Every structure is written in structure tokens, then in C-alpha cells.
Amino acid sequence: MRAPMLRWYRRARRDMPWRRRVSPYRTWVSEIMLQQTTVAAVTPKYSAFLRRFPDIRSLAVSSEDEVLRHWAGLGYYCRARNLRRAAQVVMAEHGGKFPSDFYSVLALPGVGRYTAGAILSIAFGKPYPVVDGNVIRVFSRLFGLKGRAKDPAFAKKIWARAEKIMPRRAPGDWNQALMELGATVCTPDSPSCGVCPVAKDCVAFKKGLQDRLPLPEKRREATPVRWVCLWIVRNGKVLIWRRSKEERLLKDLWGLPEAKQIVAVPGRRFASVKHTITHHDLSVELREAALENAARLPKDAKWVPVERARNYLVSSLWLKLISRRQQSESAGISS
């Protein structure tokens, strides 16, 4: 399998910025960004992020708010915090040089077995396997293994198989070939078996099971959430607050105050949007509001210039609401 897989990958791989000039830092940043985020969403953010933080040192000495601002739109903001913390660990414990042994990489904040294997194989040429959703699907079909991708016991079986067939030569290309095959050919629905470089060795293809492996996941119903948020402006500044670590969603991020938190007189509705965050379906309404006299502000609230609100409200939910508010204001002026 290896020779045709590697030939196919080197010929058909997609052009991505992190593949053009490989280094441990560039590979690490790309792998963290690509966790639960599409290549299309990551590509422009990756290039912009590296322009601002071109190396480990620049990332380590930056403020958390600045890193979050340059992460805006990618979601799962704990990844950005861990990236910055890990950069600080590398500076403090490894002299600013990204470690090249497995357990030192694994010990970095936000790095798991998959990410450590990806960095070590791609950037250092070390034979460590990677197993993600794409690899699980490829192996399930290739070897005719029945199981659900999110079942830990099934994933453990795939990891064992990946370790067993891990090549010593070109391990980074091999791992990327598996992931590329899963992303572009061995897709969840209607896999393109006719152009697959290893179709002749694939158990699922031979038995006509490619549309039934891996087994479908059990569906999880989304939890509906409704928020009414307030746009409160005073002297050219808007009120924002840092959400606590105990919040269900968007914890420890700057946000707009919710109506349940503050005594205010609600006014016109600017916008109403739908947004999804990890199995939660949000319906969020943004209303203009004025503070009641002597109203107590939420803890960790502050006033920031309206034109700088986007620097703090980095979640795509807030950015969406701000854009809708601006559209509403423009429509009101023009009418």
C-alpha cells in the first residue's frame, strides 16, 4: 500500500501554506488550528496569524487578548490560550527551541497524542502515527473494521493498526497521505473509490461496504439556548463584560451583557441571529438599551470605544451581531 499511497499524495496533495515551508512551529500552529476546523476556514487565518506571530518568542510574549483577537473566527478559543501557554513553556523549559521528543511535546498545553505525532512525523521525520476522523474512516474501510469513529475502544484499535504499519521512511508524508485520502477521496458520503490509489487492497471496496463503514454515530440532539443581549452606549463607548469561567458557552471571553444580568431599559431590536456552538443551537437577539439610574454593572464589565469593540468581541457570534447592527443603523439612516 505504501508506495502507491505516497506516489498519489505527492502528485495530488492540496497546496496549503503550512506545507510550503515546513518547520516545527509552523506545523504546530497549523495542527492546533485544524482541530475541529475546516481547511477552508484555517487557511486565511493561518497566514495572518503567522504574520503577527512569526515565531515562538513573539507568541510567548504577546498578551492573551491579542492572541484571541488574531484567532477570531476560528472558535474553540481554549486552543489559542493553550497555544500561547505552550509557547511560554517552550521558552522557559526548552530555551525557545521546539522539543523533538514525544513526551516533551505531549506535555505542552493543548497537545495530545495526535498533535504530537503530527508534529514529530511532519517536522522532524520521526515515525509516530496520527489518528483522526479521516484516518479512522480510511482504516475502517481499508481493513474492513466495524465500529463507530467516536467509540474510544474502536479508536484504540485503529491506533494499534496505525502503529503496526507505520513506515520508518517519510513518516510525515505517510501520515499526511492518510489524512488527505480521507479528506478528498475516502469521504464520509459517496467515496470516490474509482480514483483511490489503494482501492484494490480495500476490504470495504471489495465487499461493497464503503458506504456502511465506519458504522454511523448515534445522533445527539442539540440543546436550544436563547439570549437577549444589550448594546449599551455612553459617550461613544459600548459596555462589554468578560464572561466567567463558569459560563456554559464562550467562557472567559469578552461579550455583550445579557438582559438577565443588568437593569436596563430595552429599546429597538437591532438583530436576531442563529448560531451553533458544540451541540448548542443559539437564538441571540441584540437590542439597544439604556442603563437604569444607579444600575450595577456585571462583574468584569468595562466601557470600550465603539470602533474598538471588534478587538474585544472576537467570537464570530458577536462579530455577526455587530455587522447586523451596523446594517440596521445604515438602513435607518438611509431611510
Protein backbone atom coordinates (compact mmCIF):
# COMPACT_ATOMS: atom_id res chain seq x y z
CA MET A 1 0.00 0.00 0.00
CA ARG A 2 2.72 2.47 0.93
CA ALA A 3 4.29 3.07 -2.49
CA PRO A 4 1.04 3.86 -4.35
CA MET A 5 -0.24 5.94 -1.43
CA LEU A 6 2.91 8.06 -1.32
CA ARG A 7 3.02 8.46 -5.10
CA TRP A 8 -0.61 9.57 -5.09
CA TYR A 9 -0.05 12.02 -2.22
CA ARG A 10 2.98 13.68 -3.79
CA ARG A 11 1.07 14.12 -7.04
CA ALA A 12 -2.41 15.06 -5.77
CA ARG A 13 -1.92 16.78 -2.41
CA ARG A 14 -3.58 20.14 -1.95
CA ASP A 15 -1.45 23.26 -1.81
CA MET A 16 -1.59 24.58 1.76
CA PRO A 17 0.58 27.29 3.33
CA TRP A 18 1.85 25.02 6.13
CA ARG A 19 3.10 22.52 3.54
CA ARG A 20 5.18 25.03 1.59
CA ARG A 21 7.83 25.71 4.21
CA VAL A 22 7.81 23.12 6.96
CA SER A 23 9.08 23.85 10.47
CA PRO A 24 8.07 22.58 13.93
CA TYR A 25 6.47 25.93 14.79
CA ARG A 26 4.51 26.24 11.55
CA THR A 27 3.35 22.63 11.73
CA TRP A 28 2.32 23.01 15.37
CA VAL A 29 0.27 26.15 14.74
CA SER A 30 -1.47 24.56 11.74
CA GLU A 31 -2.32 21.38 13.63
CA ILE A 32 -3.83 23.29 16.54
CA MET A 33 -5.87 25.46 14.17
CA LEU A 34 -7.10 22.46 12.20
CA GLN A 35 -8.57 20.77 15.27
CA GLN A 36 -12.35 20.71 14.65
CA THR A 37 -11.97 23.43 12.00
CA THR A 38 -12.02 23.13 8.21
CA VAL A 39 -9.04 23.75 5.95
CA ALA A 40 -11.02 26.49 4.15
CA ALA A 41 -11.57 28.37 7.42
CA VAL A 42 -8.00 27.92 8.66
CA THR A 43 -6.03 28.86 5.53
CA PRO A 44 -6.50 32.67 5.59
CA LYS A 45 -6.33 32.85 9.39
CA TYR A 46 -3.12 30.81 9.46
CA SER A 47 -1.23 33.17 7.16
CA ALA A 48 -2.42 36.26 9.06
CA PHE A 49 -1.58 34.66 12.42
CA LEU A 50 1.97 33.89 11.32
CA ARG A 51 2.48 37.41 10.05
CA ARG A 52 1.74 38.69 13.55
CA PHE A 53 3.39 35.80 15.45
CA PRO A 54 6.19 34.56 13.16
CA ASP A 55 7.95 32.53 15.85
CA ILE A 56 7.61 31.04 19.31
CA ARG A 57 9.09 34.05 21.08
CA SER A 58 6.66 36.56 19.55
CA LEU A 59 3.75 34.33 20.56
CA ALA A 60 5.05 33.77 24.09
CA VAL A 61 5.46 37.47 24.92
CA SER A 62 2.08 38.55 23.50
CA SER A 63 -0.99 39.25 25.62
CA GLU A 64 -3.83 36.77 25.76
CA ASP A 65 -6.29 39.31 24.36
CA GLU A 66 -4.06 39.96 21.36
CA VAL A 67 -3.74 36.24 20.58
CA LEU A 68 -7.51 35.82 20.88
CA ARG A 69 -8.04 38.78 18.57
CA HIS A 70 -5.92 37.16 15.86
CA TRP A 71 -7.70 33.86 16.47
CA ALA A 72 -11.12 35.48 15.95
CA GLY A 73 -13.46 33.43 13.78
CA LEU A 74 -11.85 30.04 14.41
CA GLY A 75 -13.79 29.24 17.57
CA TYR A 76 -12.77 26.89 20.41
CA TYR A 77 -10.73 29.70 21.97
CA CYS A 78 -9.13 27.45 24.58
CA ARG A 79 -6.89 26.32 21.69
CA ALA A 80 -5.49 29.83 21.32
CA ARG A 81 -4.90 30.16 25.06
CA ASN A 82 -3.13 26.81 25.16
CA LEU A 83 -1.03 27.77 22.13
CA ARG A 84 0.23 30.86 23.93
CA ARG A 85 0.82 28.96 27.18
CA ALA A 86 2.71 26.25 25.33
CA ALA A 87 4.91 28.88 23.66
CA GLN A 88 5.76 30.21 27.12
CA VAL A 89 6.64 26.68 28.27
CA VAL A 90 8.92 26.19 25.26
CA MET A 91 10.68 29.48 26.05
CA ALA A 92 11.04 28.68 29.76
CA GLU A 93 11.87 24.96 29.64
CA HIS A 94 13.37 24.36 26.20
CA GLY A 95 15.31 27.55 25.55
CA GLY A 96 12.87 28.69 22.88
CA LYS A 97 13.50 25.62 20.72
CA PHE A 98 10.53 23.37 19.98
CA PRO A 99 11.21 19.95 21.61
CA SER A 100 11.74 16.92 19.39
CA ASP A 101 10.99 14.06 21.78
CA PHE A 102 7.49 12.66 22.10
CA TYR A 103 6.86 13.10 25.81
CA SER A 104 8.14 16.68 25.90
CA VAL A 105 5.82 17.59 23.03
CA LEU A 106 2.93 15.71 24.65
CA ALA A 107 3.46 17.67 27.88
CA LEU A 108 2.78 21.01 26.17
CA PRO A 109 -0.63 22.59 26.92
CA GLY A 110 -3.22 21.70 24.29
CA VAL A 111 -1.15 18.90 22.72
CA GLY A 112 -2.50 15.36 22.62
CA ARG A 113 -1.27 12.14 21.08
CA TYR A 114 -2.48 13.03 17.59
CA THR A 115 -0.92 16.52 17.54
CA ALA A 116 2.38 15.26 18.97
CA GLY A 117 2.54 12.55 16.30
CA ALA A 118 1.73 15.01 13.53
CA ILE A 119 4.44 17.49 14.58
CA LEU A 120 7.12 14.84 15.11
CA SER A 121 6.42 12.99 11.87
CA ILE A 122 5.97 16.03 9.60
CA ALA A 123 8.53 18.44 11.05
CA PHE A 124 11.12 16.02 12.47
CA GLY A 125 10.67 12.93 10.27
CA LYS A 126 10.06 10.66 13.27
CA PRO A 127 7.83 7.56 12.86
CA TYR A 128 4.87 8.44 15.09
CA PRO A 129 1.36 7.68 13.81
CA VAL A 130 -1.63 10.01 13.73
CA VAL A 131 -5.25 9.01 14.05
CA ASP A 132 -8.09 11.46 13.43
CA GLY A 133 -11.57 11.09 11.97
CA ASN A 134 -10.21 10.83 8.44
CA VAL A 135 -7.68 8.12 9.35
CA ILE A 136 -10.28 6.15 11.30
CA ARG A 137 -12.58 6.16 8.26
CA VAL A 138 -9.77 5.14 5.88
CA PHE A 139 -8.60 2.29 8.11
CA SER A 140 -12.14 1.12 8.85
CA ARG A 141 -12.79 0.70 5.13
CA LEU A 142 -9.32 -0.39 4.10
CA PHE A 143 -9.18 -3.24 6.64
CA GLY A 144 -12.92 -3.90 6.94
CA LEU A 145 -13.08 -2.91 10.63
CA LYS A 146 -16.55 -2.36 12.08
CA GLY A 147 -17.05 0.29 14.73
CA ARG A 148 -18.02 3.89 15.40
CA ALA A 149 -15.37 6.53 14.90
CA LYS A 150 -16.12 8.20 18.24
CA ASP A 151 -16.04 4.94 20.22
CA PRO A 152 -12.81 5.02 22.33
CA ALA A 153 -12.39 1.24 22.08
CA PHE A 154 -12.62 1.37 18.27
CA ALA A 155 -10.22 4.33 18.12
CA LYS A 156 -7.77 2.34 20.27
CA LYS A 157 -7.92 -0.48 17.75
CA ILE A 158 -7.18 1.95 14.92
CA TRP A 159 -4.22 3.42 16.82
CA ALA A 160 -2.77 -0.07 17.23
CA ARG A 161 -3.14 -0.71 13.49
CA ALA A 162 -1.58 2.66 12.65
CA GLU A 163 1.45 1.92 14.83
CA LYS A 164 1.86 -1.52 13.27
CA ILE A 165 2.08 -0.28 9.67
CA MET A 166 3.91 2.99 10.40
CA PRO A 167 6.81 3.33 7.92
CA ARG A 168 10.27 4.41 9.05
CA ARG A 169 10.87 6.36 5.85
CA ALA A 170 8.86 9.50 5.03
CA PRO A 171 6.52 9.14 8.06
CA GLY A 172 5.25 12.71 7.64
CA ASP A 173 4.21 12.13 4.04
CA TRP A 174 2.59 8.84 5.03
CA ASN A 175 0.51 10.43 7.79
CA GLN A 176 -0.50 13.32 5.54
CA ALA A 177 -1.35 10.90 2.74
CA LEU A 178 -3.78 9.06 5.02
CA MET A 179 -5.42 12.30 6.14
CA GLU A 180 -5.51 13.67 2.58
CA LEU A 181 -7.10 10.48 1.29
CA GLY A 182 -9.82 10.68 3.95
CA ALA A 183 -10.47 14.37 3.25
CA THR A 184 -10.59 14.24 -0.55
CA VAL A 185 -11.24 10.66 -1.75
CA CYS A 186 -12.38 8.36 1.08
CA THR A 187 -15.03 10.86 2.17
CA PRO A 188 -17.90 10.11 4.58
CA ASP A 189 -20.53 10.13 1.82
CA SER A 190 -20.06 8.74 -1.68
CA PRO A 191 -16.31 7.96 -1.54
CA SER A 192 -14.50 8.22 -4.89
CA CYS A 193 -13.24 4.64 -4.96
CA GLY A 194 -12.50 4.83 -8.70
CA VAL A 195 -9.58 7.20 -8.13
CA CYS A 196 -8.37 5.72 -4.83
CA PRO A 197 -4.72 4.60 -5.03
CA VAL A 198 -5.34 1.62 -2.74
CA ALA A 199 -8.83 0.52 -3.85
CA LYS A 200 -7.54 -2.87 -4.99
CA ASP A 201 -6.39 -3.57 -1.39
CA CYS A 202 -9.53 -2.17 0.28
CA VAL A 203 -11.73 -4.74 2.05
CA ALA A 204 -14.78 -2.46 2.06
CA PHE A 205 -14.46 -1.78 -1.69
CA LYS A 206 -14.16 -5.49 -2.48
CA LYS A 207 -17.27 -6.28 -0.39
CA GLY A 208 -19.29 -3.20 -1.35
CA LEU A 209 -19.27 -1.89 2.23
CA GLN A 210 -17.66 1.50 1.64
CA ASP A 211 -20.94 3.36 2.31
CA ARG A 212 -21.52 1.42 5.54
CA LEU A 213 -18.13 1.69 7.23
CA PRO A 214 -17.41 3.00 9.73
CA LEU A 215 -20.74 2.47 11.48
CA PRO A 216 -22.91 5.62 11.80
CA GLU A 217 -22.69 7.60 15.00
CA LYS A 218 -25.56 7.82 17.44
CA ARG A 219 -27.27 11.18 16.90
CA ARG A 220 -27.01 13.76 19.66
CA GLU A 221 -29.80 16.28 19.91
CA ALA A 222 -28.72 19.91 20.06
CA THR A 223 -29.61 21.96 23.15
CA PRO A 224 -31.59 25.13 22.35
CA VAL A 225 -30.30 28.32 24.03
CA ARG A 226 -31.84 31.79 23.86
CA TRP A 227 -30.02 35.01 24.76
CA VAL A 228 -31.13 38.64 24.68
CA CYS A 229 -28.01 40.81 24.57
CA LEU A 230 -27.80 44.55 25.04
CA TRP A 231 -25.98 47.25 23.09
CA ILE A 232 -25.44 49.97 25.71
CA VAL A 233 -23.53 53.05 24.58
CA ARG A 234 -22.42 56.02 26.69
CA ASN A 235 -20.20 58.84 25.46
CA GLY A 236 -19.13 56.91 22.40
CA LYS A 237 -18.27 53.78 24.38
CA VAL A 238 -20.08 50.43 24.47
CA LEU A 239 -20.43 48.25 27.55
CA ILE A 240 -18.82 44.80 27.39
CA TRP A 241 -18.02 42.19 30.02
CA ARG A 242 -15.69 39.23 30.34
CA ARG A 243 -17.76 36.09 30.67
CA SER A 244 -16.80 33.98 33.67
CA LYS A 245 -15.15 30.57 33.55
CA GLU A 246 -18.41 29.10 34.85
CA GLU A 247 -20.44 30.13 31.80
CA ARG A 248 -21.72 27.27 29.66
CA LEU A 249 -20.55 28.85 26.40
CA LEU A 250 -17.88 31.36 25.34
CA LYS A 251 -16.40 31.20 28.82
CA ASP A 252 -13.65 33.66 29.76
CA LEU A 253 -14.21 35.70 26.57
CA TRP A 254 -15.37 39.29 26.22
CA GLY A 255 -19.05 39.53 25.29
CA LEU A 256 -22.07 41.80 25.31
CA PRO A 257 -24.09 41.86 28.55
CA GLU A 258 -27.23 39.76 28.66
CA ALA A 259 -30.57 41.26 29.65
CA LYS A 260 -30.79 38.95 32.67
CA GLN A 261 -27.61 40.43 34.15
CA ILE A 262 -28.27 44.12 34.22
CA VAL A 263 -31.10 46.56 34.91
CA ALA A 264 -31.61 48.45 31.66
CA VAL A 265 -34.40 49.93 29.57
CA PRO A 266 -34.62 47.89 26.35
CA GLY A 267 -35.11 49.71 23.08
CA ARG A 268 -35.29 48.75 19.41
CA ARG A 269 -34.11 45.40 18.18
CA PHE A 270 -31.01 45.61 16.01
CA ALA A 271 -30.64 41.98 15.01
CA SER A 272 -31.57 38.38 15.63
CA VAL A 273 -29.19 35.60 14.60
CA LYS A 274 -28.86 31.84 14.77
CA HIS A 275 -25.54 30.38 15.84
CA THR A 276 -24.26 26.92 16.71
CA ILE A 277 -21.61 26.11 19.32
CA THR A 278 -20.78 22.49 20.20
CA HIS A 279 -24.24 20.88 20.24
CA HIS A 280 -25.98 24.11 21.27
CA ASP A 281 -28.35 25.93 18.94
CA LEU A 282 -28.33 29.60 19.94
CA SER A 283 -31.00 32.15 19.12
CA VAL A 284 -29.50 35.52 20.00
CA GLU A 285 -31.26 38.86 19.91
CA LEU A 286 -29.41 42.17 20.11
CA ARG A 287 -31.30 45.17 21.47
CA GLU A 288 -30.38 48.76 22.05
CA ALA A 289 -30.66 49.61 25.74
CA ALA A 290 -30.06 52.36 28.29
CA LEU A 291 -28.88 51.78 31.85
CA GLU A 292 -31.30 52.43 34.66
CA ASN A 293 -30.11 55.03 37.14
CA ALA A 294 -27.66 53.51 39.65
CA ALA A 295 -27.77 50.18 37.84
CA ARG A 296 -25.00 47.84 38.93
CA LEU A 297 -22.70 46.67 36.17
CA PRO A 298 -21.85 43.00 35.73
CA LYS A 299 -18.59 41.87 37.30
CA ASP A 300 -15.60 42.39 34.98
CA ALA A 301 -17.53 44.86 32.81
CA LYS A 302 -15.91 47.84 31.14
CA TRP A 303 -16.57 50.56 28.58
CA VAL A 304 -14.62 50.48 25.29
CA PRO A 305 -14.81 52.79 22.27
CA VAL A 306 -17.45 51.55 19.83
CA GLU A 307 -14.95 51.48 16.97
CA ARG A 308 -12.70 49.14 19.00
CA ALA A 309 -15.42 46.71 20.05
CA ARG A 310 -14.32 44.15 17.45
CA ASN A 311 -10.90 43.98 19.11
CA TYR A 312 -12.55 42.51 22.21
CA LEU A 313 -15.64 40.72 20.86
CA VAL A 314 -13.69 38.10 18.94
CA SER A 315 -16.28 35.31 18.74
CA SER A 316 -17.94 35.05 15.34
CA LEU A 317 -21.29 35.32 17.17
CA TRP A 318 -20.53 38.86 18.36
CA LEU A 319 -18.97 39.84 15.05
CA LYS A 320 -22.10 38.68 13.29
CA LEU A 321 -24.29 40.73 15.64
CA ILE A 322 -22.10 43.84 15.26
CA SER A 323 -22.33 43.58 11.47
CA ARG A 324 -26.11 43.23 11.63
CA ARG A 325 -26.33 46.24 13.96
CA GLN A 326 -24.27 48.34 11.54
CA GLN A 327 -26.52 47.25 8.67
CA SER A 328 -29.57 48.17 10.73
CA GLU A 329 -28.11 51.59 11.57
CA SER A 330 -27.24 52.24 7.93
CA ALA A 331 -30.72 51.25 6.82
CA GLY A 332 -32.20 53.61 9.40
CA ILE A 333 -30.03 56.50 8.22
CA SER A 334 -30.78 55.90 4.55
CA SER A 335 -34.49 55.67 5.17
